Amino acid sequence: MGRLRVEVNLLQFADDMLFFCQPRFQCILAIKAILSGFELALGLKVNFYKSQIRAIGISYMDLNIFSNCQNYGGMPLPFKYLRIELGKP
Protein backbone atom coordinates (compact mmCIF):
# COMPACT_ATOMS: atom_id res chain seq x y z
CA MET A 1 0.00 0.00 0.00
CA GLY A 2 1.22 3.49 -0.76
CA ARG A 3 4.52 4.64 -2.19
CA LEU A 4 6.41 2.88 0.64
CA ARG A 5 4.82 -0.40 -0.52
CA VAL A 6 3.69 -1.41 2.99
CA GLU A 7 2.34 -4.95 2.90
CA VAL A 8 -0.97 -5.48 4.70
CA ASN A 9 -3.02 -8.68 4.42
CA LEU A 10 -6.77 -8.71 5.01
CA LEU A 11 -9.29 -11.43 5.86
CA GLN A 12 -13.03 -10.80 6.10
CA PHE A 13 -15.64 -12.94 7.80
CA ALA A 14 -19.25 -11.70 8.04
CA ASP A 15 -18.90 -8.30 9.69
CA ASP A 16 -15.33 -8.84 10.96
CA MET A 17 -12.11 -7.70 9.30
CA LEU A 18 -8.68 -8.99 10.25
CA PHE A 19 -5.58 -7.11 9.16
CA PHE A 20 -2.15 -8.73 9.32
CA CYS A 21 1.06 -6.73 9.08
CA GLN A 22 4.56 -6.43 10.43
CA PRO A 23 4.80 -4.80 13.89
CA ARG A 24 5.99 -1.44 12.52
CA PHE A 25 4.45 1.98 12.92
CA GLN A 26 4.27 2.38 9.10
CA CYS A 27 2.00 -0.65 8.92
CA ILE A 28 -0.26 0.63 11.68
CA LEU A 29 -0.63 3.93 9.84
CA ALA A 30 -1.43 2.03 6.62
CA ILE A 31 -4.25 0.18 8.38
CA LYS A 32 -5.55 3.48 9.73
CA ALA A 33 -5.55 4.86 6.16
CA ILE A 34 -7.41 1.77 4.89
CA LEU A 35 -10.09 2.18 7.57
CA SER A 36 -10.42 5.91 6.86
CA GLY A 37 -10.80 5.19 3.14
CA PHE A 38 -13.42 2.56 3.94
CA GLU A 39 -15.42 5.11 5.93
CA LEU A 40 -15.16 7.75 3.20
CA ALA A 41 -15.96 5.45 0.30
CA LEU A 42 -18.92 3.63 1.83
CA GLY A 43 -20.27 6.19 4.29
CA LEU A 44 -20.04 3.60 7.08
CA LYS A 45 -18.28 4.07 10.41
CA VAL A 46 -15.77 1.75 12.05
CA ASN A 47 -16.91 0.87 15.57
CA PHE A 48 -13.72 1.58 17.51
CA TYR A 49 -15.38 0.56 20.79
CA LYS A 50 -15.57 -3.00 19.50
CA SER A 51 -12.25 -2.89 17.64
CA GLN A 52 -9.10 -4.33 19.15
CA ILE A 53 -5.47 -4.72 18.22
CA ARG A 54 -3.58 -7.90 18.95
CA ALA A 55 0.08 -8.53 18.40
CA ILE A 56 2.51 -11.42 18.40
CA GLY A 57 6.18 -10.90 19.18
CA ILE A 58 6.13 -7.27 20.32
CA SER A 59 6.37 -5.68 23.73
CA TYR A 60 3.34 -4.62 25.75
CA MET A 61 4.55 -1.02 25.46
CA ASP A 62 4.59 -1.18 21.64
CA LEU A 63 1.12 -2.74 21.71
CA ASN A 64 -0.12 0.25 23.76
CA ILE A 65 1.46 2.72 21.32
CA PHE A 66 -0.17 0.98 18.35
CA SER A 67 -3.58 0.77 20.03
CA ASN A 68 -3.45 4.46 21.04
CA CYS A 69 -2.63 5.40 17.44
CA GLN A 70 -5.71 3.55 16.22
CA ASN A 71 -7.94 4.75 19.10
CA TYR A 72 -8.94 1.29 20.23
CA GLY A 73 -7.99 -1.19 22.89
CA GLY A 74 -5.11 -3.60 22.90
CA MET A 75 -5.62 -7.22 23.79
CA PRO A 76 -2.85 -9.48 25.07
CA LEU A 77 -2.32 -13.04 23.90
CA PRO A 78 -3.72 -15.65 23.83
CA PHE A 79 -7.14 -14.76 22.38
CA LYS A 80 -9.96 -16.61 20.66
CA TYR A 81 -11.28 -15.91 17.20
CA LEU A 82 -14.10 -18.02 15.82
CA ARG A 83 -13.59 -20.37 18.80
CA ILE A 84 -9.95 -20.95 17.85
CA GLU A 85 -7.35 -20.01 20.44
CA LEU A 86 -4.50 -18.03 18.87
CA GLY A 87 -1.12 -17.01 20.23
CA LYS A 88 -0.87 -19.67 22.91
CA PRO A 89 2.74 -20.72 23.57
PDB file of N, CA and C in Angstrom:
ATOM      1  N   MET A   1       0.832  -1.166   0.000  1.00  0.00           N
ATOM      2  CA  MET A   1       0.000   0.000   0.000  1.00  0.00           C
ATOM      3  C   MET A   1       0.882   1.236   0.000  1.00  0.00           C
ATOM      4  N   GLY A   2       0.519   2.219  -0.770  1.00  0.00           N
ATOM      5  CA  GLY A   2       1.219   3.492  -0.762  1.00  0.00           C
ATOM      6  C   GLY A   2       2.557   3.445  -1.475  1.00  0.00           C
ATOM      7  N   ARG A   3       3.225   4.589  -1.484  1.00  0.00           N
ATOM      8  CA  ARG A   3       4.519   4.640  -2.185  1.00  0.00           C
ATOM      9  C   ARG A   3       5.618   3.919  -1.428  1.00  0.00           C
ATOM     10  N   LEU A   4       5.424   3.648  -0.123  1.00  0.00           N
ATOM     11  CA  LEU A   4       6.406   2.879   0.643  1.00  0.00           C
ATOM     12  C   LEU A   4       6.201   1.376   0.483  1.00  0.00           C
ATOM     13  N   ARG A   5       5.115   1.001  -0.237  1.00  0.00           N
ATOM     14  CA  ARG A   5       4.820  -0.400  -0.516  1.00  0.00           C
ATOM     15  C   ARG A   5       4.690  -1.220   0.764  1.00  0.00           C
ATOM     16  N   VAL A   6       3.932  -0.706   1.728  1.00  0.00           N
ATOM     17  CA  VAL A   6       3.692  -1.407   2.987  1.00  0.00           C
ATOM     18  C   VAL A   6       2.750  -2.567   2.708  1.00  0.00           C
ATOM     19  N   GLU A   7       3.136  -3.761   3.148  1.00  0.00           N
ATOM     20  CA  GLU A   7       2.337  -4.949   2.903  1.00  0.00           C
ATOM     21  C   GLU A   7       1.367  -5.162   4.059  1.00  0.00           C
ATOM     22  N   VAL A   8       0.084  -5.225   3.720  1.00  0.00           N
ATOM     23  CA  VAL A   8      -0.970  -5.481   4.697  1.00  0.00           C
ATOM     24  C   VAL A   8      -1.873  -6.546   4.108  1.00  0.00           C
ATOM     25  N   ASN A   9      -2.119  -7.614   4.860  1.00  0.00           N
ATOM     26  CA  ASN A   9      -3.022  -8.678   4.421  1.00  0.00           C
ATOM     27  C   ASN A   9      -4.349  -8.518   5.138  1.00  0.00           C
ATOM     28  N   LEU A  10      -5.426  -8.916   4.485  1.00  0.00           N
ATOM     29  CA  LEU A  10      -6.765  -8.711   5.012  1.00  0.00           C
ATOM     30  C   LEU A  10      -7.586  -9.978   4.851  1.00  0.00           C
ATOM     31  N   LEU A  11      -8.301 -10.355   5.904  1.00  0.00           N
ATOM     32  CA  LEU A  11      -9.290 -11.429   5.857  1.00  0.00           C
ATOM     33  C   LEU A  11     -10.617 -10.852   6.317  1.00  0.00           C
ATOM     34  N   GLN A  12     -11.709 -11.257   5.684  1.00  0.00           N
ATOM     35  CA  GLN A  12     -13.026 -10.804   6.103  1.00  0.00           C
ATOM     36  C   GLN A  12     -13.908 -12.007   6.374  1.00  0.00           C
ATOM     37  N   PHE A  13     -14.685 -11.904   7.449  1.00  0.00           N
ATOM     38  CA  PHE A  13     -15.642 -12.940   7.802  1.00  0.00           C
ATOM     39  C   PHE A  13     -16.877 -12.252   8.356  1.00  0.00           C
ATOM     40  N   ALA A  14     -17.996 -12.364   7.647  1.00  0.00           N
ATOM     41  CA  ALA A  14     -19.251 -11.704   8.036  1.00  0.00           C
ATOM     42  C   ALA A  14     -18.988 -10.218   8.230  1.00  0.00           C
ATOM     43  N   ASP A  15     -19.127  -9.725   9.449  1.00  0.00           N
ATOM     44  CA  ASP A  15     -18.903  -8.299   9.694  1.00  0.00           C
ATOM     45  C   ASP A  15     -17.573  -8.039  10.404  1.00  0.00           C
ATOM     46  N   ASP A  16     -16.657  -8.991  10.352  1.00  0.00           N
ATOM     47  CA  ASP A  16     -15.327  -8.839  10.958  1.00  0.00           C
ATOM     48  C   ASP A  16     -14.279  -8.650   9.870  1.00  0.00           C
ATOM     49  N   MET A  17     -13.266  -7.830  10.178  1.00  0.00           N
ATOM     50  CA  MET A  17     -12.107  -7.698   9.299  1.00  0.00           C
ATOM     51  C   MET A  17     -10.866  -7.933  10.135  1.00  0.00           C
ATOM     52  N   LEU A  18      -9.964  -8.738   9.608  1.00  0.00           N
ATOM     53  CA  LEU A  18      -8.684  -8.993  10.249  1.00  0.00           C
ATOM     54  C   LEU A  18      -7.588  -8.465   9.345  1.00  0.00           C
ATOM     55  N   PHE A  19      -6.735  -7.620   9.888  1.00  0.00           N
ATOM     56  CA  PHE A  19      -5.581  -7.113   9.161  1.00  0.00           C
ATOM     57  C   PHE A  19      -4.340  -7.755   9.753  1.00  0.00           C
ATOM     58  N   PHE A  20      -3.423  -8.158   8.894  1.00  0.00           N
ATOM     59  CA  PHE A  20      -2.152  -8.727   9.318  1.00  0.00           C
ATOM     60  C   PHE A  20      -1.034  -7.884   8.729  1.00  0.00           C
ATOM     61  N   CYS A  21      -0.077  -7.521   9.564  1.00  0.00           N
ATOM     62  CA  CYS A  21       1.060  -6.734   9.082  1.00  0.00           C
ATOM     63  C   CYS A  21       2.238  -6.916  10.021  1.00  0.00           C
ATOM     64  N   GLN A  22       3.369  -6.418   9.590  1.00  0.00           N
ATOM     65  CA  GLN A  22       4.563  -6.426  10.427  1.00  0.00           C
ATOM     66  C   GLN A  22       4.365  -5.436  11.578  1.00  0.00           C
ATOM     67  N   PRO A  23       4.966  -5.710  12.746  1.00  0.00           N
ATOM     68  CA  PRO A  23       4.804  -4.798  13.887  1.00  0.00           C
ATOM     69  C   PRO A  23       5.667  -3.539  13.740  1.00  0.00           C
ATOM     70  N   ARG A  24       5.295  -2.705  12.764  1.00  0.00           N
ATOM     71  CA  ARG A  24       5.988  -1.443  12.516  1.00  0.00           C
ATOM     72  C   ARG A  24       4.953  -0.334  12.459  1.00  0.00           C
ATOM     73  N   PHE A  25       5.363   0.856  12.872  1.00  0.00           N
ATOM     74  CA  PHE A  25       4.452   1.981  12.917  1.00  0.00           C
ATOM     75  C   PHE A  25       3.909   2.316  11.533  1.00  0.00           C
ATOM     76  N   GLN A  26       4.721   2.143  10.471  1.00  0.00           N
ATOM     77  CA  GLN A  26       4.268   2.382   9.098  1.00  0.00           C
ATOM     78  C   GLN A  26       3.057   1.510   8.757  1.00  0.00           C
ATOM     79  N   CYS A  27       3.095   0.270   9.198  1.00  0.00           N
ATOM     80  CA  CYS A  27       1.996  -0.654   8.915  1.00  0.00           C
ATOM     81  C   CYS A  27       0.736  -0.246   9.662  1.00  0.00           C
ATOM     82  N   ILE A  28       0.890   0.189  10.890  1.00  0.00           N
ATOM     83  CA  ILE A  28      -0.260   0.630  11.680  1.00  0.00           C
ATOM     84  C   ILE A  28      -0.905   1.844  11.027  1.00  0.00           C
ATOM     85  N   LEU A  29      -0.089   2.758  10.535  1.00  0.00           N
ATOM     86  CA  LEU A  29      -0.627   3.931   9.836  1.00  0.00           C
ATOM     87  C   LEU A  29      -1.317   3.530   8.532  1.00  0.00           C
ATOM     88  N   ALA A  30      -0.799   2.503   7.854  1.00  0.00           N
ATOM     89  CA  ALA A  30      -1.430   2.026   6.624  1.00  0.00           C
ATOM     90  C   ALA A  30      -2.814   1.462   6.922  1.00  0.00           C
ATOM     91  N   ILE A  31      -2.948   0.718   8.003  1.00  0.00           N
ATOM     92  CA  ILE A  31      -4.252   0.181   8.382  1.00  0.00           C
ATOM     93  C   ILE A  31      -5.212   1.318   8.715  1.00  0.00           C
ATOM     94  N   LYS A  32      -4.714   2.319   9.415  1.00  0.00           N
ATOM     95  CA  LYS A  32      -5.548   3.478   9.734  1.00  0.00           C
ATOM     96  C   LYS A  32      -6.034   4.157   8.443  1.00  0.00           C
ATOM     97  N   ALA A  33      -5.170   4.267   7.441  1.00  0.00           N
ATOM     98  CA  ALA A  33      -5.552   4.863   6.162  1.00  0.00           C
ATOM     99  C   ALA A  33      -6.590   4.000   5.446  1.00  0.00           C
ATOM    100  N   ILE A  34      -6.444   2.680   5.503  1.00  0.00           N
ATOM    101  CA  ILE A  34      -7.412   1.774   4.890  1.00  0.00           C
ATOM    102  C   ILE A  34      -8.785   1.963   5.536  1.00  0.00           C
ATOM    103  N   LEU A  35      -8.815   2.016   6.865  1.00  0.00           N
ATOM    104  CA  LEU A  35     -10.090   2.184   7.565  1.00  0.00           C
ATOM    105  C   LEU A  35     -10.717   3.549   7.284  1.00  0.00           C
ATOM    106  N   SER A  36      -9.901   4.577   7.198  1.00  0.00           N
ATOM    107  CA  SER A  36     -10.422   5.913   6.858  1.00  0.00           C
ATOM    108  C   SER A  36     -10.994   5.929   5.450  1.00  0.00           C
ATOM    109  N   GLY A  37     -10.306   5.291   4.508  1.00  0.00           N
ATOM    110  CA  GLY A  37     -10.797   5.189   3.141  1.00  0.00           C
ATOM    111  C   GLY A  37     -12.100   4.404   3.065  1.00  0.00           C
ATOM    112  N   PHE A  38     -12.194   3.360   3.862  1.00  0.00           N
ATOM    113  CA  PHE A  38     -13.417   2.557   3.944  1.00  0.00           C
ATOM    114  C   PHE A  38     -14.588   3.432   4.386  1.00  0.00           C
ATOM    115  N   GLU A  39     -14.362   4.227   5.428  1.00  0.00           N
ATOM    116  CA  GLU A  39     -15.419   5.111   5.928  1.00  0.00           C
ATOM    117  C   GLU A  39     -15.839   6.132   4.873  1.00  0.00           C
ATOM    118  N   LEU A  40     -14.856   6.737   4.218  1.00  0.00           N
ATOM    119  CA  LEU A  40     -15.160   7.755   3.202  1.00  0.00           C
ATOM    120  C   LEU A  40     -15.869   7.175   1.976  1.00  0.00           C
ATOM    121  N   ALA A  41     -15.413   6.031   1.520  1.00  0.00           N
ATOM    122  CA  ALA A  41     -15.961   5.446   0.299  1.00  0.00           C
ATOM    123  C   ALA A  41     -17.375   4.904   0.487  1.00  0.00           C
ATOM    124  N   LEU A  42     -17.645   4.300   1.644  1.00  0.00           N
ATOM    125  CA  LEU A  42     -18.925   3.633   1.831  1.00  0.00           C
ATOM    126  C   LEU A  42     -19.892   4.395   2.729  1.00  0.00           C
ATOM    127  N   GLY A  43     -19.402   5.434   3.388  1.00  0.00           N
ATOM    128  CA  GLY A  43     -20.272   6.186   4.293  1.00  0.00           C
ATOM    129  C   GLY A  43     -20.590   5.437   5.570  1.00  0.00           C
ATOM    130  N   LEU A  44     -19.863   4.370   5.847  1.00  0.00           N
ATOM    131  CA  LEU A  44     -20.037   3.599   7.077  1.00  0.00           C
ATOM    132  C   LEU A  44     -18.998   4.039   8.101  1.00  0.00           C
ATOM    133  N   LYS A  45     -19.215   3.711   9.340  1.00  0.00           N
ATOM    134  CA  LYS A  45     -18.277   4.066  10.405  1.00  0.00           C
ATOM    135  C   LYS A  45     -17.698   2.797  11.026  1.00  0.00           C
ATOM    136  N   VAL A  46     -16.418   2.834  11.336  1.00  0.00           N
ATOM    137  CA  VAL A  46     -15.768   1.746  12.049  1.00  0.00           C
ATOM    138  C   VAL A  46     -16.108   1.905  13.524  1.00  0.00           C
ATOM    139  N   ASN A  47     -16.572   0.830  14.152  1.00  0.00           N
ATOM    140  CA  ASN A  47     -16.909   0.867  15.568  1.00  0.00           C
ATOM    141  C   ASN A  47     -15.634   0.616  16.383  1.00  0.00           C
ATOM    142  N   PHE A  48     -14.992   1.699  16.794  1.00  0.00           N
ATOM    143  CA  PHE A  48     -13.722   1.577  17.508  1.00  0.00           C
ATOM    144  C   PHE A  48     -13.904   1.041  18.923  1.00  0.00           C
ATOM    145  N   TYR A  49     -15.135   1.121  19.455  1.00  0.00           N
ATOM    146  CA  TYR A  49     -15.381   0.560  20.785  1.00  0.00           C
ATOM    147  C   TYR A  49     -15.315  -0.959  20.760  1.00  0.00           C
ATOM    148  N   LYS A  50     -15.636  -1.554  19.633  1.00  0.00           N
ATOM    149  CA  LYS A  50     -15.573  -3.000  19.497  1.00  0.00           C
ATOM    150  C   LYS A  50     -14.274  -3.472  18.845  1.00  0.00           C
ATOM    151  N   SER A  51     -13.488  -2.543  18.341  1.00  0.00           N
ATOM    152  CA  SER A  51     -12.251  -2.894  17.638  1.00  0.00           C
ATOM    153  C   SER A  51     -11.115  -3.102  18.626  1.00  0.00           C
ATOM    154  N   GLN A  52     -10.249  -4.030  18.293  1.00  0.00           N
ATOM    155  CA  GLN A  52      -9.103  -4.327  19.153  1.00  0.00           C
ATOM    156  C   GLN A  52      -7.886  -4.615  18.299  1.00  0.00           C
ATOM    157  N   ILE A  53      -6.721  -4.391  18.894  1.00  0.00           N
ATOM    158  CA  ILE A  53      -5.468  -4.721  18.220  1.00  0.00           C
ATOM    159  C   ILE A  53      -4.786  -5.820  19.036  1.00  0.00           C
ATOM    160  N   ARG A  54      -4.293  -6.791  18.318  1.00  0.00           N
ATOM    161  CA  ARG A  54      -3.581  -7.903  18.955  1.00  0.00           C
ATOM    162  C   ARG A  54      -2.249  -8.054  18.250  1.00  0.00           C
ATOM    163  N   ALA A  55      -1.246  -8.448  18.998  1.00  0.00           N
ATOM    164  CA  ALA A  55       0.084  -8.529  18.403  1.00  0.00           C
ATOM    165  C   ALA A  55       0.844  -9.732  18.928  1.00  0.00           C
ATOM    166  N   ILE A  56       1.652 -10.280  18.047  1.00  0.00           N
ATOM    167  CA  ILE A  56       2.507 -11.419  18.398  1.00  0.00           C
ATOM    168  C   ILE A  56       3.951 -10.968  18.240  1.00  0.00           C
ATOM    169  N   GLY A  57       4.746 -11.176  19.262  1.00  0.00           N
ATOM    170  CA  GLY A  57       6.175 -10.904  19.175  1.00  0.00           C
ATOM    171  C   GLY A  57       6.588  -9.455  19.392  1.00  0.00           C
ATOM    172  N   ILE A  58       5.726  -8.638  19.992  1.00  0.00           N
ATOM    173  CA  ILE A  58       6.130  -7.265  20.316  1.00  0.00           C
ATOM    174  C   ILE A  58       5.886  -7.014  21.793  1.00  0.00           C
ATOM    175  N   SER A  59       6.496  -5.993  22.311  1.00  0.00           N
ATOM    176  CA  SER A  59       6.368  -5.683  23.727  1.00  0.00           C
ATOM    177  C   SER A  59       4.991  -5.108  24.047  1.00  0.00           C
ATOM    178  N   TYR A  60       4.621  -5.180  25.304  1.00  0.00           N
ATOM    179  CA  TYR A  60       3.342  -4.620  25.750  1.00  0.00           C
ATOM    180  C   TYR A  60       3.324  -3.107  25.531  1.00  0.00           C
ATOM    181  N   MET A  61       4.475  -2.459  25.680  1.00  0.00           N
ATOM    182  CA  MET A  61       4.554  -1.016  25.464  1.00  0.00           C
ATOM    183  C   MET A  61       4.271  -0.663  23.996  1.00  0.00           C
ATOM    184  N   ASP A  62       4.858  -1.417  23.069  1.00  0.00           N
ATOM    185  CA  ASP A  62       4.586  -1.184  21.645  1.00  0.00           C
ATOM    186  C   ASP A  62       3.121  -1.431  21.314  1.00  0.00           C
ATOM    187  N   LEU A  63       2.531  -2.459  21.919  1.00  0.00           N
ATOM    188  CA  LEU A  63       1.120  -2.738  21.710  1.00  0.00           C
ATOM    189  C   LEU A  63       0.267  -1.545  22.147  1.00  0.00           C
ATOM    190  N   ASN A  64       0.609  -0.937  23.281  1.00  0.00           N
ATOM    191  CA  ASN A  64      -0.119   0.245  23.757  1.00  0.00           C
ATOM    192  C   ASN A  64       0.040   1.422  22.803  1.00  0.00           C
ATOM    193  N   ILE A  65       1.233   1.623  22.272  1.00  0.00           N
ATOM    194  CA  ILE A  65       1.465   2.722  21.318  1.00  0.00           C
ATOM    195  C   ILE A  65       0.618   2.508  20.072  1.00  0.00           C
ATOM    196  N   PHE A  66       0.613   1.284  19.549  1.00  0.00           N
ATOM    197  CA  PHE A  66      -0.168   0.981  18.351  1.00  0.00           C
ATOM    198  C   PHE A  66      -1.664   1.149  18.602  1.00  0.00           C
ATOM    199  N   SER A  67      -2.141   0.665  19.749  1.00  0.00           N
ATOM    200  CA  SER A  67      -3.577   0.768  20.028  1.00  0.00           C
ATOM    201  C   SER A  67      -3.996   2.220  20.255  1.00  0.00           C
ATOM    202  N   ASN A  68      -3.130   3.036  20.860  1.00  0.00           N
ATOM    203  CA  ASN A  68      -3.448   4.456  21.038  1.00  0.00           C
ATOM    204  C   ASN A  68      -3.490   5.180  19.703  1.00  0.00           C
ATOM    205  N   CYS A  69      -2.635   4.794  18.779  1.00  0.00           N
ATOM    206  CA  CYS A  69      -2.629   5.396  17.437  1.00  0.00           C
ATOM    207  C   CYS A  69      -3.939   5.121  16.715  1.00  0.00           C
ATOM    208  N   GLN A  70      -4.476   3.942  16.888  1.00  0.00           N
ATOM    209  CA  GLN A  70      -5.710   3.554  16.215  1.00  0.00           C
ATOM    210  C   GLN A  70      -6.966   3.938  16.996  1.00  0.00           C
ATOM    211  N   ASN A  71      -6.809   4.377  18.232  1.00  0.00           N
ATOM    212  CA  ASN A  71      -7.936   4.747  19.099  1.00  0.00           C
ATOM    213  C   ASN A  71      -8.814   3.561  19.487  1.00  0.00           C
ATOM    214  N   TYR A  72      -8.193   2.405  19.660  1.00  0.00           N
ATOM    215  CA  TYR A  72      -8.940   1.295  20.229  1.00  0.00           C
ATOM    216  C   TYR A  72      -8.052   0.453  21.113  1.00  0.00           C
ATOM    217  N   GLY A  73      -8.683  -0.452  21.850  1.00  0.00           N
ATOM    218  CA  GLY A  73      -7.990  -1.193  22.894  1.00  0.00           C
ATOM    219  C   GLY A  73      -7.051  -2.266  22.387  1.00  0.00           C
ATOM    220  N   GLY A  74      -6.020  -2.495  23.168  1.00  0.00           N
ATOM    221  CA  GLY A  74      -5.111  -3.599  22.899  1.00  0.00           C
ATOM    222  C   GLY A  74      -5.582  -4.824  23.648  1.00  0.00           C
ATOM    223  N   MET A  75      -5.213  -5.973  23.151  1.00  0.00           N
ATOM    224  CA  MET A  75      -5.616  -7.220  23.794  1.00  0.00           C
ATOM    225  C   MET A  75      -4.431  -8.168  23.807  1.00  0.00           C
ATOM    226  N   PRO A  76      -4.010  -8.579  24.991  1.00  0.00           N
ATOM    227  CA  PRO A  76      -2.852  -9.478  25.066  1.00  0.00           C
ATOM    228  C   PRO A  76      -3.200 -10.888  24.583  1.00  0.00           C
ATOM    229  N   LEU A  77      -2.162 -11.653  24.325  1.00  0.00           N
ATOM    230  CA  LEU A  77      -2.319 -13.040  23.899  1.00  0.00           C
ATOM    231  C   LEU A  77      -2.448 -13.945  25.115  1.00  0.00           C
ATOM    232  N   PRO A  78      -3.012 -15.113  24.981  1.00  0.00           N
ATOM    233  CA  PRO A  78      -3.718 -15.646  23.826  1.00  0.00           C
ATOM    234  C   PRO A  78      -5.125 -15.059  23.740  1.00  0.00           C
ATOM    235  N   PHE A  79      -5.767 -15.207  22.571  1.00  0.00           N
ATOM    236  CA  PHE A  79      -7.139 -14.761  22.377  1.00  0.00           C
ATOM    237  C   PHE A  79      -7.858 -15.769  21.491  1.00  0.00           C
ATOM    238  N   LYS A  80      -9.167 -15.704  21.491  1.00  0.00           N
ATOM    239  CA  LYS A  80      -9.959 -16.612  20.663  1.00  0.00           C
ATOM    240  C   LYS A  80     -10.612 -15.837  19.534  1.00  0.00           C
ATOM    241  N   TYR A  81     -10.581 -16.437  18.357  1.00  0.00           N
ATOM    242  CA  TYR A  81     -11.284 -15.906  17.199  1.00  0.00           C
ATOM    243  C   TYR A  81     -11.992 -17.065  16.525  1.00  0.00           C
ATOM    244  N   LEU A  82     -13.296 -16.960  16.382  1.00  0.00           N
ATOM    245  CA  LEU A  82     -14.104 -18.021  15.821  1.00  0.00           C
ATOM    246  C   LEU A  82     -13.874 -19.337  16.557  1.00  0.00           C
ATOM    247  N   ARG A  83     -13.798 -19.236  17.886  1.00  0.00           N
ATOM    248  CA  ARG A  83     -13.593 -20.374  18.801  1.00  0.00           C
ATOM    249  C   ARG A  83     -12.227 -21.027  18.695  1.00  0.00           C
ATOM    250  N   ILE A  84     -11.305 -20.402  17.970  1.00  0.00           N
ATOM    251  CA  ILE A  84      -9.952 -20.949  17.845  1.00  0.00           C
ATOM    252  C   ILE A  84      -9.025 -20.099  18.709  1.00  0.00           C
ATOM    253  N   GLU A  85      -8.277 -20.742  19.578  1.00  0.00           N
ATOM    254  CA  GLU A  85      -7.349 -20.009  20.442  1.00  0.00           C
ATOM    255  C   GLU A  85      -6.053 -19.735  19.676  1.00  0.00           C
ATOM    256  N   LEU A  86      -5.689 -18.460  19.612  1.00  0.00           N
ATOM    257  CA  LEU A  86      -4.504 -18.027  18.870  1.00  0.00           C
ATOM    258  C   LEU A  86      -3.470 -17.415  19.799  1.00  0.00           C
ATOM    259  N   GLY A  87      -2.209 -17.630  19.485  1.00  0.00           N
ATOM    260  CA  GLY A  87      -1.119 -17.013  20.232  1.00  0.00           C
ATOM    261  C   GLY A  87      -0.746 -17.709  21.513  1.00  0.00           C
ATOM    262  N   LYS A  88      -1.211 -18.924  21.701  1.00  0.00           N
ATOM    263  CA  LYS A  88      -0.869 -19.668  22.911  1.00  0.00           C
ATOM    264  C   LYS A  88       0.482 -20.335  22.727  1.00  0.00           C
ATOM    265  N   PRO A  89       1.390 -20.122  23.716  1.00  0.00           N
ATOM    266  CA  PRO A  89       2.741 -20.720  23.572  1.00  0.00           C
ATOM    267  C   PRO A  89       2.741 -22.229  23.631  1.00  0.00           C
TER     268      PRO A  89
END
